[in-house]
Amino acid sequence: MNDQDRHRWNRKFLQGEHDSTQPSCIITGIEHFLPRQGKALDVAGGAGRHSLWLARHGLTVTLVDISDEALRISQTRAKSLGIQLQTVHLDLEQEPFPPGPWDLILGVHYLDRTLFPRFTEALAPGGLLVFLQPTQSNLQRHQRPSARFLLEDGELPTLLPGLRMLHYEEGWLADGRHEALVVAQAPSETSRGSQ
């Protein structure tokens, strides 16, 4: 991404296009997999709807996004709720993740396939990657996101070598989109050492 992308996303957040304060029901539906403590990284987390939910459930959350406006909104919301939230302005295509390791990495509706090896490297032993993204089949009912921002049907598991899938589903999910959802776990320290 670049300054043009940053300005475009700032405009969207200023116009209220992404102003939901409630986490996705798909993400709350997998709550039983998620840790109750530790460090969480919300990748391209926007205005913080998932970050704030994770923080309320006991995690120490860092939200990264390219939009200054999204980060401002998320901090305002966190303060109004009395929640600690670290925000980092970050161009995910150009800059490294904040220092980990992370017990949970959450990616919702942001697709950059080059990030998947970085996700795996940044996870703590036994840490979880939760990733939710529409697939090409979504175009049957919705014009957006466009094809370049969609996973191929069945692609998500192929992007996760070295991680153990705890949960995977793909189809027309609760929010009306054709999406792929995965909860995948990094090897424990013991199994990493034996590889």
C-alpha atoms as a PDB file:
ATOM      1  CA  MET A   1       0.000   0.000   0.000  1.00  0.00           C
ATOM      2  CA  ASN A   2       1.025   3.598  -0.227  1.00  0.00           C
ATOM      3  CA  ASP A   3      -0.116   7.082   0.739  1.00  0.00           C
ATOM      4  CA  GLN A   4      -2.888   6.912  -1.837  1.00  0.00           C
ATOM      5  CA  ASP A   5      -4.279   3.776  -0.158  1.00  0.00           C
ATOM      6  CA  ARG A   6      -3.918   5.362   3.273  1.00  0.00           C
ATOM      7  CA  HIS A   7      -5.872   8.438   2.145  1.00  0.00           C
ATOM      8  CA  ARG A   8      -8.556   6.273   0.527  1.00  0.00           C
ATOM      9  CA  TRP A   9      -9.030   4.270   3.734  1.00  0.00           C
ATOM     10  CA  ASN A  10      -8.988   7.410   5.867  1.00  0.00           C
ATOM     11  CA  ARG A  11     -11.781   8.815   3.696  1.00  0.00           C
ATOM     12  CA  LYS A  12     -13.834   5.619   4.082  1.00  0.00           C
ATOM     13  CA  PHE A  13     -13.539   5.707   7.864  1.00  0.00           C
ATOM     14  CA  LEU A  14     -14.345   9.435   7.993  1.00  0.00           C
ATOM     15  CA  GLN A  15     -17.477   8.769   5.926  1.00  0.00           C
ATOM     16  CA  GLY A  16     -18.555   6.022   8.322  1.00  0.00           C
ATOM     17  CA  GLU A  17     -18.353   3.196   5.787  1.00  0.00           C
ATOM     18  CA  HIS A  18     -16.757   0.855   8.327  1.00  0.00           C
ATOM     19  CA  ASP A  19     -18.272   2.019  11.592  1.00  0.00           C
ATOM     20  CA  SER A  20     -19.602  -1.217  13.066  1.00  0.00           C
ATOM     21  CA  THR A  21     -18.784  -1.568  16.739  1.00  0.00           C
ATOM     22  CA  GLN A  22     -19.917  -5.178  17.027  1.00  0.00           C
ATOM     23  CA  PRO A  23     -17.622  -8.081  16.154  1.00  0.00           C
ATOM     24  CA  SER A  24     -18.618 -10.370  13.324  1.00  0.00           C
ATOM     25  CA  CYS A  25     -20.985 -13.111  14.484  1.00  0.00           C
ATOM     26  CA  ILE A  26     -18.722 -15.525  12.611  1.00  0.00           C
ATOM     27  CA  ILE A  27     -15.791 -14.556  14.849  1.00  0.00           C
ATOM     28  CA  THR A  28     -17.844 -14.628  18.046  1.00  0.00           C
ATOM     29  CA  GLY A  29     -19.065 -18.066  16.957  1.00  0.00           C
ATOM     30  CA  ILE A  30     -15.543 -19.472  17.318  1.00  0.00           C
ATOM     31  CA  GLU A  31     -14.910 -17.866  20.706  1.00  0.00           C
ATOM     32  CA  HIS A  32     -14.407 -21.286  22.333  1.00  0.00           C
ATOM     33  CA  PHE A  33     -11.166 -21.729  20.354  1.00  0.00           C
ATOM     34  CA  LEU A  34      -9.668 -18.413  21.432  1.00  0.00           C
ATOM     35  CA  PRO A  35      -7.238 -17.901  24.309  1.00  0.00           C
ATOM     36  CA  ARG A  36      -8.377 -15.888  27.341  1.00  0.00           C
ATOM     37  CA  GLN A  37      -4.977 -14.334  27.957  1.00  0.00           C
ATOM     38  CA  GLY A  38      -1.832 -13.516  26.063  1.00  0.00           C
ATOM     39  CA  LYS A  39      -0.949 -11.239  23.176  1.00  0.00           C
ATOM     40  CA  ALA A  40      -3.217 -10.773  20.157  1.00  0.00           C
ATOM     41  CA  LEU A  41      -2.472  -9.034  16.864  1.00  0.00           C
ATOM     42  CA  ASP A  42      -5.434  -7.729  14.850  1.00  0.00           C
ATOM     43  CA  VAL A  43      -4.156  -7.356  11.285  1.00  0.00           C
ATOM     44  CA  ALA A  44      -5.752  -4.509   9.299  1.00  0.00           C
ATOM     45  CA  GLY A  45      -8.172  -4.240  12.202  1.00  0.00           C
ATOM     46  CA  GLY A  46      -9.762  -0.979  11.111  1.00  0.00           C
ATOM     47  CA  ALA A  47     -11.781   0.821  13.772  1.00  0.00           C
ATOM     48  CA  GLY A  48     -11.292  -1.974  16.281  1.00  0.00           C
ATOM     49  CA  ARG A  49     -14.539  -3.904  16.418  1.00  0.00           C
ATOM     50  CA  HIS A  50     -12.681  -7.207  16.861  1.00  0.00           C
ATOM     51  CA  SER A  51      -9.763  -5.771  18.860  1.00  0.00           C
ATOM     52  CA  LEU A  52     -12.067  -4.321  21.489  1.00  0.00           C
ATOM     53  CA  TRP A  53     -13.998  -7.575  21.763  1.00  0.00           C
ATOM     54  CA  LEU A  54     -10.746  -9.546  22.201  1.00  0.00           C
ATOM     55  CA  ALA A  55      -9.494  -7.082  24.826  1.00  0.00           C
ATOM     56  CA  ARG A  56     -12.759  -7.400  26.778  1.00  0.00           C
ATOM     57  CA  HIS A  57     -12.116 -11.153  26.835  1.00  0.00           C
ATOM     58  CA  GLY A  58      -8.728 -10.803  28.517  1.00  0.00           C
ATOM     59  CA  LEU A  59      -6.207 -10.487  25.695  1.00  0.00           C
ATOM     60  CA  THR A  60      -3.578  -7.778  25.359  1.00  0.00           C
ATOM     61  CA  VAL A  61      -4.363  -6.530  21.854  1.00  0.00           C
ATOM     62  CA  THR A  62      -2.334  -4.669  19.272  1.00  0.00           C
ATOM     63  CA  LEU A  63      -4.300  -3.397  16.288  1.00  0.00           C
ATOM     64  CA  VAL A  64      -2.374  -2.568  13.113  1.00  0.00           C
ATOM     65  CA  ASP A  65      -3.848  -0.656  10.199  1.00  0.00           C
ATOM     66  CA  ILE A  66      -2.766   1.732   7.455  1.00  0.00           C
ATOM     67  CA  SER A  67      -5.565   4.202   8.230  1.00  0.00           C
ATOM     68  CA  ASP A  68      -4.751   6.929  10.745  1.00  0.00           C
ATOM     69  CA  GLU A  69      -8.461   7.639  11.009  1.00  0.00           C
ATOM     70  CA  ALA A  70      -9.303   4.008  11.838  1.00  0.00           C
ATOM     71  CA  LEU A  71      -6.662   4.000  14.559  1.00  0.00           C
ATOM     72  CA  ARG A  72      -8.006   7.260  15.998  1.00  0.00           C
ATOM     73  CA  ILE A  73     -11.541   5.834  16.076  1.00  0.00           C
ATOM     74  CA  SER A  74     -10.378   2.601  17.700  1.00  0.00           C
ATOM     75  CA  GLN A  75      -8.474   4.505  20.412  1.00  0.00           C
ATOM     76  CA  THR A  76     -11.494   6.723  21.101  1.00  0.00           C
ATOM     77  CA  ARG A  77     -13.717   3.660  21.431  1.00  0.00           C
ATOM     78  CA  ALA A  78     -11.203   1.883  23.672  1.00  0.00           C
ATOM     79  CA  LYS A  79     -10.940   4.879  26.008  1.00  0.00           C
ATOM     80  CA  SER A  80     -14.715   5.224  26.236  1.00  0.00           C
ATOM     81  CA  LEU A  81     -14.920   1.557  27.264  1.00  0.00           C
ATOM     82  CA  GLY A  82     -11.982   1.742  29.660  1.00  0.00           C
ATOM     83  CA  ILE A  83     -10.028  -0.771  27.579  1.00  0.00           C
ATOM     84  CA  GLN A  84      -6.298  -0.753  26.936  1.00  0.00           C
ATOM     85  CA  LEU A  85      -5.563  -1.065  23.213  1.00  0.00           C
ATOM     86  CA  GLN A  86      -2.266  -0.558  21.466  1.00  0.00           C
ATOM     87  CA  THR A  87      -2.570   0.768  17.928  1.00  0.00           C
ATOM     88  CA  VAL A  88       0.190   0.846  15.338  1.00  0.00           C
ATOM     89  CA  HIS A  89       0.102   2.674  12.026  1.00  0.00           C
ATOM     90  CA  LEU A  90       1.541   0.090   9.659  1.00  0.00           C
ATOM     91  CA  ASP A  91       1.731  -0.582   5.948  1.00  0.00           C
ATOM     92  CA  LEU A  92       1.531  -4.371   6.014  1.00  0.00           C
ATOM     93  CA  GLU A  93       2.953  -4.637   2.505  1.00  0.00           C
ATOM     94  CA  GLN A  94       6.105  -2.708   3.441  1.00  0.00           C
ATOM     95  CA  GLU A  95       6.715  -3.018   7.181  1.00  0.00           C
ATOM     96  CA  PRO A  96       7.207  -5.903   9.634  1.00  0.00           C
ATOM     97  CA  PHE A  97       4.656  -6.831  12.249  1.00  0.00           C
ATOM     98  CA  PRO A  98       5.165  -5.397  15.733  1.00  0.00           C
ATOM     99  CA  PRO A  99       7.402  -7.673  17.824  1.00  0.00           C
ATOM    100  CA  GLY A 100       5.752 -10.902  18.905  1.00  0.00           C
ATOM    101  CA  PRO A 101       5.446 -13.704  19.376  1.00  0.00           C
ATOM    102  CA  TRP A 102       1.651 -13.626  19.278  1.00  0.00           C
ATOM    103  CA  ASP A 103      -0.737 -16.017  20.994  1.00  0.00           C
ATOM    104  CA  LEU A 104      -3.427 -15.016  18.500  1.00  0.00           C
ATOM    105  CA  ILE A 105      -3.279 -13.369  15.098  1.00  0.00           C
ATOM    106  CA  LEU A 106      -6.625 -12.290  13.662  1.00  0.00           C
ATOM    107  CA  GLY A 107      -7.138 -11.393  10.013  1.00  0.00           C
ATOM    108  CA  VAL A 108     -10.635 -10.427   8.893  1.00  0.00           C
ATOM    109  CA  HIS A 109     -11.368  -9.260   5.352  1.00  0.00           C
ATOM    110  CA  TYR A 110      -7.829  -8.315   4.384  1.00  0.00           C
ATOM    111  CA  LEU A 111      -6.084 -10.502   1.830  1.00  0.00           C
ATOM    112  CA  ASP A 112      -2.391 -10.357   1.079  1.00  0.00           C
ATOM    113  CA  ARG A 113      -1.145 -13.863   0.392  1.00  0.00           C
ATOM    114  CA  THR A 114       2.454 -12.852   1.118  1.00  0.00           C
ATOM    115  CA  LEU A 115       1.502 -12.390   4.782  1.00  0.00           C
ATOM    116  CA  PHE A 116       0.809 -16.065   5.481  1.00  0.00           C
ATOM    117  CA  PRO A 117       4.467 -17.069   6.022  1.00  0.00           C
ATOM    118  CA  ARG A 118       4.813 -14.010   8.273  1.00  0.00           C
ATOM    119  CA  PHE A 119       1.751 -15.101  10.258  1.00  0.00           C
ATOM    120  CA  THR A 120       3.320 -18.511  10.869  1.00  0.00           C
ATOM    121  CA  GLU A 121       6.674 -17.028  11.902  1.00  0.00           C
ATOM    122  CA  ALA A 122       5.062 -14.506  14.256  1.00  0.00           C
ATOM    123  CA  LEU A 123       2.927 -17.002  16.182  1.00  0.00           C
ATOM    124  CA  ALA A 124       4.001 -18.164  19.621  1.00  0.00           C
ATOM    125  CA  PRO A 125       4.338 -21.927  20.069  1.00  0.00           C
ATOM    126  CA  GLY A 126       0.768 -23.219  20.151  1.00  0.00           C
ATOM    127  CA  GLY A 127      -0.512 -19.801  19.021  1.00  0.00           C
ATOM    128  CA  LEU A 128      -3.591 -19.446  16.833  1.00  0.00           C
ATOM    129  CA  LEU A 129      -4.228 -17.851  13.471  1.00  0.00           C
ATOM    130  CA  VAL A 130      -7.864 -16.941  12.835  1.00  0.00           C
ATOM    131  CA  PHE A 131      -8.505 -15.840   9.275  1.00  0.00           C
ATOM    132  CA  LEU A 132     -11.795 -14.947   7.567  1.00  0.00           C
ATOM    133  CA  GLN A 133     -12.026 -13.917   3.918  1.00  0.00           C
ATOM    134  CA  PRO A 134     -14.632 -14.052   1.134  1.00  0.00           C
ATOM    135  CA  THR A 135     -14.000 -16.448  -1.748  1.00  0.00           C
ATOM    136  CA  GLN A 136     -14.604 -16.235  -5.490  1.00  0.00           C
ATOM    137  CA  SER A 137     -18.063 -17.783  -5.032  1.00  0.00           C
ATOM    138  CA  ASN A 138     -19.071 -14.608  -3.210  1.00  0.00           C
ATOM    139  CA  LEU A 139     -19.339 -12.917  -6.634  1.00  0.00           C
ATOM    140  CA  GLN A 140     -22.454 -15.012  -7.334  1.00  0.00           C
ATOM    141  CA  ARG A 141     -24.403 -12.717  -4.988  1.00  0.00           C
ATOM    142  CA  HIS A 142     -22.177  -9.698  -4.331  1.00  0.00           C
ATOM    143  CA  GLN A 143     -20.144  -7.391  -6.574  1.00  0.00           C
ATOM    144  CA  ARG A 144     -17.749  -6.550  -3.749  1.00  0.00           C
ATOM    145  CA  PRO A 145     -15.096  -7.274  -2.868  1.00  0.00           C
ATOM    146  CA  SER A 146     -13.779  -7.625  -6.390  1.00  0.00           C
ATOM    147  CA  ALA A 147     -12.065 -10.814  -7.564  1.00  0.00           C
ATOM    148  CA  ARG A 148      -8.554  -9.638  -6.746  1.00  0.00           C
ATOM    149  CA  PHE A 149      -9.479  -9.435  -3.057  1.00  0.00           C
ATOM    150  CA  LEU A 150     -11.032 -12.905  -2.921  1.00  0.00           C
ATOM    151  CA  LEU A 151      -9.612 -16.303  -2.129  1.00  0.00           C
ATOM    152  CA  GLU A 152     -10.050 -19.050  -4.672  1.00  0.00           C
ATOM    153  CA  ASP A 153     -12.582 -21.581  -3.452  1.00  0.00           C
ATOM    154  CA  GLY A 154     -10.677 -24.133  -1.363  1.00  0.00           C
ATOM    155  CA  GLU A 155      -7.474 -22.049  -1.342  1.00  0.00           C
ATOM    156  CA  LEU A 156      -7.187 -21.099   2.323  1.00  0.00           C
ATOM    157  CA  PRO A 157      -5.886 -24.451   3.650  1.00  0.00           C
ATOM    158  CA  THR A 158      -3.100 -24.404   1.050  1.00  0.00           C
ATOM    159  CA  LEU A 159      -1.794 -21.128   2.497  1.00  0.00           C
ATOM    160  CA  LEU A 160      -1.172 -22.649   5.932  1.00  0.00           C
ATOM    161  CA  PRO A 161       1.728 -25.120   5.705  1.00  0.00           C
ATOM    162  CA  GLY A 162       3.142 -25.903   9.113  1.00  0.00           C
ATOM    163  CA  LEU A 163      -0.062 -25.013  10.955  1.00  0.00           C
ATOM    164  CA  ARG A 164      -2.605 -27.518  12.255  1.00  0.00           C
ATOM    165  CA  MET A 165      -6.198 -26.735  11.324  1.00  0.00           C
ATOM    166  CA  LEU A 166      -8.471 -26.836  14.354  1.00  0.00           C
ATOM    167  CA  HIS A 167     -11.490 -25.526  12.461  1.00  0.00           C
ATOM    168  CA  TYR A 168     -12.197 -24.841   8.810  1.00  0.00           C
ATOM    169  CA  GLU A 169     -15.384 -23.956   7.041  1.00  0.00           C
ATOM    170  CA  GLU A 170     -16.194 -22.471   3.698  1.00  0.00           C
ATOM    171  CA  GLY A 171     -19.582 -21.555   2.332  1.00  0.00           C
ATOM    172  CA  TRP A 172     -22.391 -19.062   2.681  1.00  0.00           C
ATOM    173  CA  LEU A 173     -21.788 -18.071   6.274  1.00  0.00           C
ATOM    174  CA  ALA A 174     -23.884 -16.123   8.769  1.00  0.00           C
ATOM    175  CA  ASP A 175     -23.192 -12.669   7.329  1.00  0.00           C
ATOM    176  CA  GLY A 176     -24.484 -13.677   3.876  1.00  0.00           C
ATOM    177  CA  ARG A 177     -21.104 -13.868   2.160  1.00  0.00           C
ATOM    178  CA  HIS A 178     -19.355 -16.910   0.738  1.00  0.00           C
ATOM    179  CA  GLU A 179     -16.358 -16.993   3.034  1.00  0.00           C
ATOM    180  CA  ALA A 180     -13.553 -19.213   4.199  1.00  0.00           C
ATOM    181  CA  LEU A 181     -12.816 -19.316   7.923  1.00  0.00           C
ATOM    182  CA  VAL A 182      -9.896 -21.052   9.561  1.00  0.00           C
ATOM    183  CA  VAL A 183      -8.602 -21.480  13.078  1.00  0.00           C
ATOM    184  CA  ALA A 184      -5.084 -22.883  12.746  1.00  0.00           C
ATOM    185  CA  GLN A 185      -2.504 -23.610  15.419  1.00  0.00           C
ATOM    186  CA  ALA A 186       1.263 -23.252  15.380  1.00  0.00           C
ATOM    187  CA  PRO A 187       3.287 -26.231  16.564  1.00  0.00           C
ATOM    188  CA  SER A 188       4.189 -26.376  20.225  1.00  0.00           C
ATOM    189  CA  GLU A 189       7.779 -25.618  21.197  1.00  0.00           C
ATOM    190  CA  THR A 190       8.456 -29.357  21.528  1.00  0.00           C
ATOM    191  CA  SER A 191       7.207 -30.229  18.048  1.00  0.00           C
ATOM    192  CA  ARG A 192       8.979 -27.213  16.508  1.00  0.00           C
ATOM    193  CA  GLY A 193      12.256 -28.479  17.894  1.00  0.00           C
ATOM    194  CA  SER A 194      11.742 -31.962  16.454  1.00  0.00           C
ATOM    195  CA  GLN A 195      11.157 -30.751  12.902  1.00  0.00           C
END
